[in-house]
Amino acid sequence: MINPDLLLAFVATFVVVCLLPGPVVLVVVAQSLCGGSRRGLTAVAGATLGNIILYIIAATGLAVLATLLAEAFAWLRWFGVGYLGWLGVQYWRTAKVVSDKPEPLVWQQRAAFISGLVVAVSNPKAVLFYAALLPLFIDAGLPATPQLVVLGVISIPMSVVFNIAYALLAGKASGYLVEHDQRAWIGRVSGGFFMVAAVLLGAANWQR
């Protein structure tokens, strides 16, 4: 059903990819810092949905169509940049509010899920990454569909595991800051992460 050597190479490659922090990781960490691990895990859920959508697009051969229609959906990509930038400013400006009210209304679970989903689907390089990566690990002598299914079943959970690890670690850091009465720094650091994620997405969009 799948070439074991290619599968092992794919797993090794994807581990390296997961270890390199990108916009999704920055958003997950920011959400965990401000709202604890639970909020970070909610962001992971949103990002996972986005990754599944992108994988399906790439695996079904729709990546070419997505590229052709890229300009038509440019607003979505730049919306993602603007949304993350807005979140960054809001977290930074409300740092003092966060210190007084650990659970302000604006930072609810729904916002965390949306932020994860938006940053995943608005990254213009993500679907191109899948589209470029997958063919390298497909054995031309075997049926393609089962191989794509196996690679998807492996890669998506792997990204989830790594993102969960980032969320839990950031949640621990958040707990430490709260315990030492440093809640104001949570808002500032979280806002900084969102702003960096916005810059990374903006740079990726600008290069298109």
Foldseek 3Di string as FASTA:
>chain_A
DFDPVLVVVLVVVLVVVLVDDALLLLLLLLLCLLQNLVLSLLLLQLLLVLLVVLLVCLLVPVVVVCVVCVVVCVVLLLVLLVVLLVLLVVLLVCLVVCLVPSDDPVSDSVVSSVNSNSLNNSQPCSSVVSNVPLVVSADPVDDRVVVSVVSVVPNSVVSSVSSSVSSNVSNVVSVVCVVVSNSSVSSNSSSVSSNVNSVRSVVSSVVD
